[in-house]
Amino acid sequence: MKTNNAILDPLNNLLNPEELTPEKIREIIYILKAQYTDLLKSKDEELRLKDELIEQYHQEVVYLREMVTQLSQRPSIGELVETAQEYRDLLKKYSELNPV
């Protein structure tokens, strides 16, 4: 019985039913346990990396939310222009009242 699966490939030479012995069965179990352990480790690492990425994205979202809040509290360009015009008009009136 031949396998095409990367996990089971090391077992190809052990899976001949006519040659199965308790020792070969133990070896198969050992190989499968080792591969399962490696798979769990790689999945744990993958999950840890995903958690780190999610945390990084969360921090970026919080930062962007704070920036939007700060920007929304600033006056708009129109408001700045209006304030500048009012200030210019007040300076003009002041200079008319107090010529130098």
Protein backbone atom coordinates (compact mmCIF):
# COMPACT_ATOMS: atom_id res chain seq x y z
CA MET A 1 0.00 0.00 0.00
CA LYS A 2 1.69 3.19 -1.19
CA THR A 3 0.72 6.70 -0.05
CA ASN A 4 0.90 9.98 -1.91
CA ASN A 5 0.51 12.11 1.20
CA ALA A 6 3.58 14.05 2.43
CA ILE A 7 2.75 13.10 6.03
CA LEU A 8 2.55 9.41 5.24
CA ASP A 9 5.47 9.19 2.78
CA PRO A 10 7.97 8.13 5.50
CA LEU A 11 5.63 5.20 6.21
CA ASN A 12 5.58 3.82 2.66
CA ASN A 13 8.23 1.20 3.38
CA LEU A 14 6.47 0.20 6.63
CA LEU A 15 2.93 -0.22 5.29
CA ASN A 16 3.32 -3.57 3.57
CA PRO A 17 0.59 -5.66 5.29
CA GLU A 18 2.52 -8.91 4.87
CA GLU A 19 5.48 -7.53 6.81
CA LEU A 20 3.66 -5.82 9.68
CA THR A 21 5.14 -6.76 13.03
CA PRO A 22 4.62 -5.25 16.47
CA GLU A 23 7.95 -3.45 16.07
CA LYS A 24 6.89 -1.94 12.73
CA ILE A 25 3.53 -0.92 14.20
CA ARG A 26 5.37 0.81 17.08
CA GLU A 27 7.64 2.54 14.55
CA ILE A 28 4.58 3.68 12.55
CA ILE A 29 2.98 5.02 15.73
CA TYR A 30 6.23 6.80 16.67
CA ILE A 31 6.47 8.40 13.20
CA LEU A 32 2.83 9.49 13.27
CA LYS A 33 3.19 10.95 16.78
CA ALA A 34 6.31 12.87 15.74
CA GLN A 35 4.62 14.21 12.62
CA TYR A 36 1.50 15.13 14.61
CA THR A 37 3.66 16.94 17.17
CA ASP A 38 5.49 18.82 14.40
CA LEU A 39 2.16 19.72 12.82
CA LEU A 40 0.82 21.03 16.14
CA LYS A 41 3.99 23.08 16.66
CA SER A 42 3.73 24.62 13.21
CA LYS A 43 0.02 25.36 13.74
CA ASP A 44 0.79 26.93 17.14
CA GLU A 45 3.47 29.10 15.52
CA GLU A 46 1.07 30.04 12.73
CA LEU A 47 -1.61 31.00 15.26
CA ARG A 48 0.90 32.99 17.31
CA LEU A 49 1.96 34.92 14.20
CA LYS A 50 -1.67 35.53 13.27
CA ASP A 51 -2.36 36.79 16.82
CA GLU A 52 0.60 39.16 16.57
CA LEU A 53 -0.63 40.43 13.21
CA ILE A 54 -4.15 40.92 14.56
CA GLU A 55 -2.75 42.84 17.54
CA GLN A 56 -0.66 45.00 15.21
CA TYR A 57 -3.73 45.73 13.04
CA HIS A 58 -5.72 46.53 16.17
CA GLN A 59 -3.07 49.02 17.32
CA GLU A 60 -3.06 50.63 13.87
CA VAL A 61 -6.87 50.91 13.90
CA VAL A 62 -6.75 52.52 17.37
CA TYR A 63 -4.06 54.95 16.16
CA LEU A 64 -6.04 55.83 13.02
CA ARG A 65 -9.21 56.28 15.08
CA GLU A 66 -7.35 58.69 17.36
CA MET A 67 -6.01 60.58 14.33
CA VAL A 68 -9.51 60.89 12.86
CA THR A 69 -10.80 62.16 16.20
CA GLN A 70 -8.00 64.74 16.39
CA LEU A 71 -8.55 65.83 12.80
CA SER A 72 -12.29 66.11 13.29
CA GLN A 73 -11.67 68.49 16.21
CA ARG A 74 -9.52 70.81 14.08
CA PRO A 75 -11.16 73.64 12.18
CA SER A 76 -11.79 73.11 8.51
CA ILE A 77 -9.97 75.10 5.83
CA GLY A 78 -13.14 77.15 5.30
CA GLU A 79 -13.27 77.98 9.01
CA LEU A 80 -9.60 78.99 8.98
CA VAL A 81 -10.11 81.22 5.94
CA GLU A 82 -13.18 82.79 7.57
CA THR A 83 -11.26 83.42 10.79
CA ALA A 84 -8.35 84.92 8.82
CA GLN A 85 -10.74 87.21 6.97
CA GLU A 86 -12.35 88.29 10.25
CA TYR A 87 -8.91 88.96 11.72
CA ARG A 88 -7.90 90.95 8.62
CA ASP A 89 -11.12 92.99 8.84
CA LEU A 90 -10.48 93.69 12.55
CA LEU A 91 -6.89 94.79 11.79
CA LYS A 92 -8.19 97.06 9.04
CA LYS A 93 -10.74 98.65 11.40
CA TYR A 94 -8.08 99.02 14.09
CA SER A 95 -5.66 100.69 11.68
CA GLU A 96 -8.43 103.05 10.57
CA LEU A 97 -9.16 103.98 14.19
CA ASN A 98 -5.50 104.27 15.18
CA PRO A 99 -3.50 105.54 12.23
CA VAL A 100 0.23 105.31 12.74
